[in-house]
Amino acid sequence: MTKNKKENEPEIKKEKEMSKSANKDEKKEKKKIDKKDKLIEELKQENTALKDKLIRKTAELDNVIKRCEKEKLDMISYANEKLLLKLLDLVDDMDKAVEAGKESHNPDTILTGVEMIYEKAKKLLEDEGVKAIESHVGKPFDVNFHDAMVSMPSEHPEGTVVQEIQKGYTLRDKVLRHSKVITSSGEPNEKKDANNE
């Protein structure tokens, strides 16, 4: 049995070494698994933090969008506030002119007051960038500045502006209102017939 024991000793040693090696491998594997579990947990925490951050940033962006929309609506609603305040001054002046007209029997005084208000209104419009389109009577009709209301025979060539019914205005470089005009349809039929004879 001692012999057997001695013969088995190398095998036992080998088994112990294998067992130690297996234990080492198990420990290494367990460390790897622990590291992976720890990494997974860190990634889960990071994922949760990123989701929270995304939710906050999305809510923040929604608030910014809503605030911008409100500011835009306010700007549109109150864009003409300064102009309207200036127009109220004109309304006050007109009110005074009406009252003065009721009390005064001098048409020249009333006319002078109305002319002053008219000049003030023109200046207000010019200050805002509004200018009258110069009269094009005697010049060719231009669709960019004119609205032809009617065409009538005249001594002017066909397509020429013969009368301005209502002034047009521009706001800086844009036509705000086209001039309403009457255009020439050419010479009257009587003159054409006389020229043909």
C-alpha atoms as a PDB file:
ATOM      1  CA  MET A   1       0.000   0.000   0.000  1.00  0.00           C
ATOM      2  CA  THR A   2       2.858   2.295   0.571  1.00  0.00           C
ATOM      3  CA  LYS A   3       3.983   1.434  -2.826  1.00  0.00           C
ATOM      4  CA  ASN A   4       0.615   2.258  -4.129  1.00  0.00           C
ATOM      5  CA  LYS A   5       0.672   5.425  -2.192  1.00  0.00           C
ATOM      6  CA  LYS A   6       3.977   6.423  -3.672  1.00  0.00           C
ATOM      7  CA  GLU A   7       2.811   5.577  -7.126  1.00  0.00           C
ATOM      8  CA  ASN A   8      -0.289   7.615  -6.597  1.00  0.00           C
ATOM      9  CA  GLU A   9       1.601  10.561  -5.211  1.00  0.00           C
ATOM     10  CA  PRO A  10       2.452  12.064  -8.595  1.00  0.00           C
ATOM     11  CA  GLU A  11      -1.137  11.628  -9.609  1.00  0.00           C
ATOM     12  CA  ILE A  12      -2.344  13.210  -6.402  1.00  0.00           C
ATOM     13  CA  LYS A  13       0.104  16.048  -6.906  1.00  0.00           C
ATOM     14  CA  LYS A  14      -1.104  16.413 -10.427  1.00  0.00           C
ATOM     15  CA  GLU A  15      -4.709  16.449  -9.258  1.00  0.00           C
ATOM     16  CA  LYS A  16      -3.913  19.045  -6.585  1.00  0.00           C
ATOM     17  CA  GLU A  17      -2.136  21.193  -9.142  1.00  0.00           C
ATOM     18  CA  MET A  18      -5.061  20.790 -11.510  1.00  0.00           C
ATOM     19  CA  SER A  19      -7.417  21.635  -8.688  1.00  0.00           C
ATOM     20  CA  LYS A  20      -5.338  24.725  -7.820  1.00  0.00           C
ATOM     21  CA  SER A  21      -5.257  25.668 -11.487  1.00  0.00           C
ATOM     22  CA  ALA A  22      -9.009  25.163 -11.760  1.00  0.00           C
ATOM     23  CA  ASN A  23      -9.504  27.293  -8.659  1.00  0.00           C
ATOM     24  CA  LYS A  24      -7.299  29.991 -10.153  1.00  0.00           C
ATOM     25  CA  ASP A  25      -9.255  29.791 -13.417  1.00  0.00           C
ATOM     26  CA  GLU A  26     -12.506  29.939 -11.469  1.00  0.00           C
ATOM     27  CA  LYS A  27     -11.285  32.975  -9.546  1.00  0.00           C
ATOM     28  CA  LYS A  28     -10.149  34.634 -12.779  1.00  0.00           C
ATOM     29  CA  GLU A  29     -13.479  33.840 -14.393  1.00  0.00           C
ATOM     30  CA  LYS A  30     -15.341  35.126 -11.350  1.00  0.00           C
ATOM     31  CA  LYS A  31     -13.287  38.348 -11.442  1.00  0.00           C
ATOM     32  CA  LYS A  32     -14.119  38.732 -15.137  1.00  0.00           C
ATOM     33  CA  ILE A  33     -17.814  38.174 -14.441  1.00  0.00           C
ATOM     34  CA  ASP A  34     -17.695  40.604 -11.502  1.00  0.00           C
ATOM     35  CA  LYS A  35     -16.002  43.196 -13.724  1.00  0.00           C
ATOM     36  CA  LYS A  36     -18.619  42.669 -16.424  1.00  0.00           C
ATOM     37  CA  ASP A  37     -21.442  42.878 -13.873  1.00  0.00           C
ATOM     38  CA  LYS A  38     -19.941  46.077 -12.473  1.00  0.00           C
ATOM     39  CA  LEU A  39     -19.585  47.498 -16.009  1.00  0.00           C
ATOM     40  CA  ILE A  40     -23.187  46.529 -16.810  1.00  0.00           C
ATOM     41  CA  GLU A  41     -24.370  48.260 -13.628  1.00  0.00           C
ATOM     42  CA  GLU A  42     -22.340  51.401 -14.456  1.00  0.00           C
ATOM     43  CA  LEU A  43     -23.758  51.420 -17.986  1.00  0.00           C
ATOM     44  CA  LYS A  44     -27.299  51.049 -16.632  1.00  0.00           C
ATOM     45  CA  GLN A  45     -26.743  53.981 -14.276  1.00  0.00           C
ATOM     46  CA  GLU A  46     -25.238  56.052 -17.103  1.00  0.00           C
ATOM     47  CA  ASN A  47     -28.178  55.104 -19.358  1.00  0.00           C
ATOM     48  CA  THR A  48     -30.657  56.178 -16.670  1.00  0.00           C
ATOM     49  CA  ALA A  49     -28.794  59.460 -16.157  1.00  0.00           C
ATOM     50  CA  LEU A  50     -28.758  60.115 -19.917  1.00  0.00           C
ATOM     51  CA  LYS A  51     -32.486  59.360 -20.181  1.00  0.00           C
ATOM     52  CA  ASP A  52     -33.195  61.816 -17.345  1.00  0.00           C
ATOM     53  CA  LYS A  53     -30.984  64.421 -19.001  1.00  0.00           C
ATOM     54  CA  LEU A  54     -32.751  63.871 -22.335  1.00  0.00           C
ATOM     55  CA  ILE A  55     -36.159  64.288 -20.706  1.00  0.00           C
ATOM     56  CA  ARG A  56     -35.027  67.536 -19.015  1.00  0.00           C
ATOM     57  CA  LYS A  57     -33.483  68.886 -22.227  1.00  0.00           C
ATOM     58  CA  THR A  58     -36.611  67.988 -24.212  1.00  0.00           C
ATOM     59  CA  ALA A  59     -38.786  69.802 -21.668  1.00  0.00           C
ATOM     60  CA  GLU A  60     -36.386  72.754 -21.764  1.00  0.00           C
ATOM     61  CA  LEU A  61     -36.559  72.852 -25.571  1.00  0.00           C
ATOM     62  CA  ASP A  62     -40.375  72.691 -25.472  1.00  0.00           C
ATOM     63  CA  ASN A  63     -40.379  75.651 -23.086  1.00  0.00           C
ATOM     64  CA  VAL A  64     -38.031  77.635 -25.334  1.00  0.00           C
ATOM     65  CA  ILE A  65     -40.226  76.880 -28.373  1.00  0.00           C
ATOM     66  CA  LYS A  66     -43.376  77.935 -26.495  1.00  0.00           C
ATOM     67  CA  ARG A  67     -41.679  81.119 -25.248  1.00  0.00           C
ATOM     68  CA  CYS A  68     -40.483  81.961 -28.783  1.00  0.00           C
ATOM     69  CA  GLU A  69     -43.963  81.377 -30.210  1.00  0.00           C
ATOM     70  CA  LYS A  70     -45.496  83.640 -27.545  1.00  0.00           C
ATOM     71  CA  GLU A  71     -42.886  86.342 -28.206  1.00  0.00           C
ATOM     72  CA  LYS A  72     -43.561  86.052 -31.942  1.00  0.00           C
ATOM     73  CA  LEU A  73     -47.325  86.393 -31.414  1.00  0.00           C
ATOM     74  CA  ASP A  74     -46.766  89.354 -29.097  1.00  0.00           C
ATOM     75  CA  MET A  75     -44.479  90.959 -31.650  1.00  0.00           C
ATOM     76  CA  ILE A  76     -47.093  90.512 -34.378  1.00  0.00           C
ATOM     77  CA  SER A  77     -49.906  91.726 -32.120  1.00  0.00           C
ATOM     78  CA  TYR A  78     -48.030  94.808 -30.963  1.00  0.00           C
ATOM     79  CA  ALA A  79     -45.838  95.491 -34.005  1.00  0.00           C
ATOM     80  CA  ASN A  80     -47.786  98.596 -34.977  1.00  0.00           C
ATOM     81  CA  GLU A  81     -48.067  99.981 -31.461  1.00  0.00           C
ATOM     82  CA  LYS A  82     -45.704 102.933 -32.064  1.00  0.00           C
ATOM     83  CA  LEU A  83     -47.350 103.785 -35.377  1.00  0.00           C
ATOM     84  CA  LEU A  84     -50.803 103.619 -33.798  1.00  0.00           C
ATOM     85  CA  LEU A  85     -49.707 105.986 -31.036  1.00  0.00           C
ATOM     86  CA  LYS A  86     -48.584 108.466 -33.692  1.00  0.00           C
ATOM     87  CA  LEU A  87     -51.895 108.030 -35.523  1.00  0.00           C
ATOM     88  CA  LEU A  88     -53.745 108.826 -32.315  1.00  0.00           C
ATOM     89  CA  ASP A  89     -52.062 112.254 -32.382  1.00  0.00           C
ATOM     90  CA  LEU A  90     -53.555 112.761 -35.850  1.00  0.00           C
ATOM     91  CA  VAL A  91     -56.975 111.687 -34.616  1.00  0.00           C
ATOM     92  CA  ASP A  92     -56.666 114.213 -31.782  1.00  0.00           C
ATOM     93  CA  ASP A  93     -55.741 116.923 -34.300  1.00  0.00           C
ATOM     94  CA  MET A  94     -58.717 115.986 -36.492  1.00  0.00           C
ATOM     95  CA  ASP A  95     -60.989 116.112 -33.449  1.00  0.00           C
ATOM     96  CA  LYS A  96     -59.734 119.627 -32.666  1.00  0.00           C
ATOM     97  CA  ALA A  97     -60.220 120.641 -36.309  1.00  0.00           C
ATOM     98  CA  VAL A  98     -63.822 119.386 -36.277  1.00  0.00           C
ATOM     99  CA  GLU A  99     -64.525 121.335 -33.075  1.00  0.00           C
ATOM    100  CA  ALA A 100     -62.863 124.456 -34.525  1.00  0.00           C
ATOM    101  CA  GLY A 101     -64.902 124.033 -37.724  1.00  0.00           C
ATOM    102  CA  LYS A 102     -68.115 124.018 -35.713  1.00  0.00           C
ATOM    103  CA  GLU A 103     -67.134 127.245 -33.955  1.00  0.00           C
ATOM    104  CA  SER A 104     -65.471 129.108 -36.822  1.00  0.00           C
ATOM    105  CA  HIS A 105     -67.260 130.400 -39.858  1.00  0.00           C
ATOM    106  CA  ASN A 106     -64.039 131.248 -41.675  1.00  0.00           C
ATOM    107  CA  PRO A 107     -63.332 128.575 -44.343  1.00  0.00           C
ATOM    108  CA  ASP A 108     -59.702 129.733 -44.711  1.00  0.00           C
ATOM    109  CA  THR A 109     -58.991 128.957 -41.045  1.00  0.00           C
ATOM    110  CA  ILE A 110     -60.535 125.513 -41.383  1.00  0.00           C
ATOM    111  CA  LEU A 111     -58.596 124.852 -44.604  1.00  0.00           C
ATOM    112  CA  THR A 112     -55.331 125.921 -42.963  1.00  0.00           C
ATOM    113  CA  GLY A 113     -55.962 123.532 -40.047  1.00  0.00           C
ATOM    114  CA  VAL A 114     -56.791 120.626 -42.387  1.00  0.00           C
ATOM    115  CA  GLU A 115     -53.675 121.353 -44.486  1.00  0.00           C
ATOM    116  CA  MET A 116     -51.528 121.279 -41.326  1.00  0.00           C
ATOM    117  CA  ILE A 117     -52.996 117.913 -40.332  1.00  0.00           C
ATOM    118  CA  TYR A 118     -52.476 116.617 -43.881  1.00  0.00           C
ATOM    119  CA  GLU A 119     -48.802 117.659 -43.825  1.00  0.00           C
ATOM    120  CA  LYS A 120     -48.366 116.041 -40.413  1.00  0.00           C
ATOM    121  CA  ALA A 121     -49.905 112.803 -41.757  1.00  0.00           C
ATOM    122  CA  LYS A 122     -47.625 112.840 -44.808  1.00  0.00           C
ATOM    123  CA  LYS A 123     -44.561 113.352 -42.590  1.00  0.00           C
ATOM    124  CA  LEU A 124     -45.647 110.540 -40.274  1.00  0.00           C
ATOM    125  CA  LEU A 125     -45.972 108.189 -43.264  1.00  0.00           C
ATOM    126  CA  GLU A 126     -42.620 109.289 -44.710  1.00  0.00           C
ATOM    127  CA  ASP A 127     -40.956 108.691 -41.334  1.00  0.00           C
ATOM    128  CA  GLU A 128     -42.330 105.142 -41.456  1.00  0.00           C
ATOM    129  CA  GLY A 129     -40.963 104.620 -45.000  1.00  0.00           C
ATOM    130  CA  VAL A 130     -44.238 105.211 -46.879  1.00  0.00           C
ATOM    131  CA  LYS A 131     -43.988 107.410 -49.978  1.00  0.00           C
ATOM    132  CA  ALA A 132     -46.498 108.369 -52.657  1.00  0.00           C
ATOM    133  CA  ILE A 133     -45.860 106.924 -56.121  1.00  0.00           C
ATOM    134  CA  GLU A 134     -45.275 109.864 -58.429  1.00  0.00           C
ATOM    135  CA  SER A 135     -48.001 110.515 -60.958  1.00  0.00           C
ATOM    136  CA  HIS A 136     -47.458 108.734 -64.280  1.00  0.00           C
ATOM    137  CA  VAL A 137     -50.058 110.670 -66.272  1.00  0.00           C
ATOM    138  CA  GLY A 138     -48.861 110.801 -69.885  1.00  0.00           C
ATOM    139  CA  LYS A 139     -46.485 107.849 -69.344  1.00  0.00           C
ATOM    140  CA  PRO A 140     -46.964 104.193 -70.322  1.00  0.00           C
ATOM    141  CA  PHE A 141     -49.029 101.974 -68.007  1.00  0.00           C
ATOM    142  CA  ASP A 142     -46.763  99.948 -65.670  1.00  0.00           C
ATOM    143  CA  VAL A 143     -48.320  96.896 -64.030  1.00  0.00           C
ATOM    144  CA  ASN A 144     -45.748  97.149 -61.215  1.00  0.00           C
ATOM    145  CA  PHE A 145     -47.197 100.477 -60.043  1.00  0.00           C
ATOM    146  CA  HIS A 146     -50.680 100.785 -61.581  1.00  0.00           C
ATOM    147  CA  ASP A 147     -54.112  99.204 -61.412  1.00  0.00           C
ATOM    148  CA  ALA A 148     -56.074 100.032 -64.582  1.00  0.00           C
ATOM    149  CA  MET A 149     -59.629 100.791 -63.581  1.00  0.00           C
ATOM    150  CA  VAL A 150     -60.952 101.614 -67.050  1.00  0.00           C
ATOM    151  CA  SER A 151     -59.681 102.343 -70.522  1.00  0.00           C
ATOM    152  CA  MET A 152     -61.040 105.226 -72.607  1.00  0.00           C
ATOM    153  CA  PRO A 153     -60.312 106.844 -75.939  1.00  0.00           C
ATOM    154  CA  SER A 154     -57.911 109.806 -75.864  1.00  0.00           C
ATOM    155  CA  GLU A 155     -55.346 111.613 -77.971  1.00  0.00           C
ATOM    156  CA  HIS A 156     -52.621 109.632 -76.076  1.00  0.00           C
ATOM    157  CA  PRO A 157     -51.292 106.379 -77.535  1.00  0.00           C
ATOM    158  CA  GLU A 158     -52.935 103.149 -76.401  1.00  0.00           C
ATOM    159  CA  GLY A 159     -51.704 101.947 -72.986  1.00  0.00           C
ATOM    160  CA  THR A 160     -50.795 105.433 -71.738  1.00  0.00           C
ATOM    161  CA  VAL A 161     -51.979 106.616 -68.323  1.00  0.00           C
ATOM    162  CA  VAL A 162     -54.415 109.476 -68.910  1.00  0.00           C
ATOM    163  CA  GLN A 163     -55.720 110.046 -65.385  1.00  0.00           C
ATOM    164  CA  GLU A 164     -54.881 109.035 -61.833  1.00  0.00           C
ATOM    165  CA  ILE A 165     -57.997 108.196 -59.790  1.00  0.00           C
ATOM    166  CA  GLN A 166     -56.221 107.299 -56.539  1.00  0.00           C
ATOM    167  CA  LYS A 167     -52.584 107.715 -55.507  1.00  0.00           C
ATOM    168  CA  GLY A 168     -50.449 104.674 -54.943  1.00  0.00           C
ATOM    169  CA  TYR A 169     -47.883 104.270 -52.165  1.00  0.00           C
ATOM    170  CA  THR A 170     -44.700 102.305 -51.534  1.00  0.00           C
ATOM    171  CA  LEU A 171     -43.346 101.045 -48.239  1.00  0.00           C
ATOM    172  CA  ARG A 172     -39.605 101.312 -48.734  1.00  0.00           C
ATOM    173  CA  ASP A 173     -39.092  99.274 -51.960  1.00  0.00           C
ATOM    174  CA  LYS A 174     -42.418  97.415 -51.920  1.00  0.00           C
ATOM    175  CA  VAL A 175     -45.655  98.686 -53.450  1.00  0.00           C
ATOM    176  CA  LEU A 176     -48.107  99.098 -50.603  1.00  0.00           C
ATOM    177  CA  ARG A 177     -51.002 100.214 -52.801  1.00  0.00           C
ATOM    178  CA  HIS A 178     -51.010 100.480 -56.603  1.00  0.00           C
ATOM    179  CA  SER A 179     -52.089 103.752 -58.203  1.00  0.00           C
ATOM    180  CA  LYS A 180     -55.599 103.423 -59.625  1.00  0.00           C
ATOM    181  CA  VAL A 181     -55.506 104.868 -63.134  1.00  0.00           C
ATOM    182  CA  ILE A 182     -57.442 105.314 -66.357  1.00  0.00           C
ATOM    183  CA  THR A 183     -55.542 104.262 -69.466  1.00  0.00           C
ATOM    184  CA  SER A 184     -55.887 105.308 -73.070  1.00  0.00           C
ATOM    185  CA  SER A 185     -57.455 102.941 -75.559  1.00  0.00           C
ATOM    186  CA  GLY A 186     -56.082 105.097 -78.381  1.00  0.00           C
ATOM    187  CA  GLU A 187     -57.689 107.806 -80.468  1.00  0.00           C
ATOM    188  CA  PRO A 188     -61.488 108.111 -80.501  1.00  0.00           C
ATOM    189  CA  ASN A 189     -63.241 106.351 -83.397  1.00  0.00           C
ATOM    190  CA  GLU A 190     -64.237 109.694 -84.994  1.00  0.00           C
ATOM    191  CA  LYS A 191     -60.597 110.770 -85.296  1.00  0.00           C
ATOM    192  CA  LYS A 192     -59.588 107.345 -86.625  1.00  0.00           C
ATOM    193  CA  ASP A 193     -62.319 107.537 -89.268  1.00  0.00           C
ATOM    194  CA  ALA A 194     -61.250 111.082 -90.192  1.00  0.00           C
ATOM    195  CA  ASN A 195     -57.608 109.997 -90.509  1.00  0.00           C
ATOM    196  CA  ASN A 196     -58.574 107.054 -92.728  1.00  0.00           C
ATOM    197  CA  GLU A 197     -60.433 109.300 -95.206  1.00  0.00           C
END
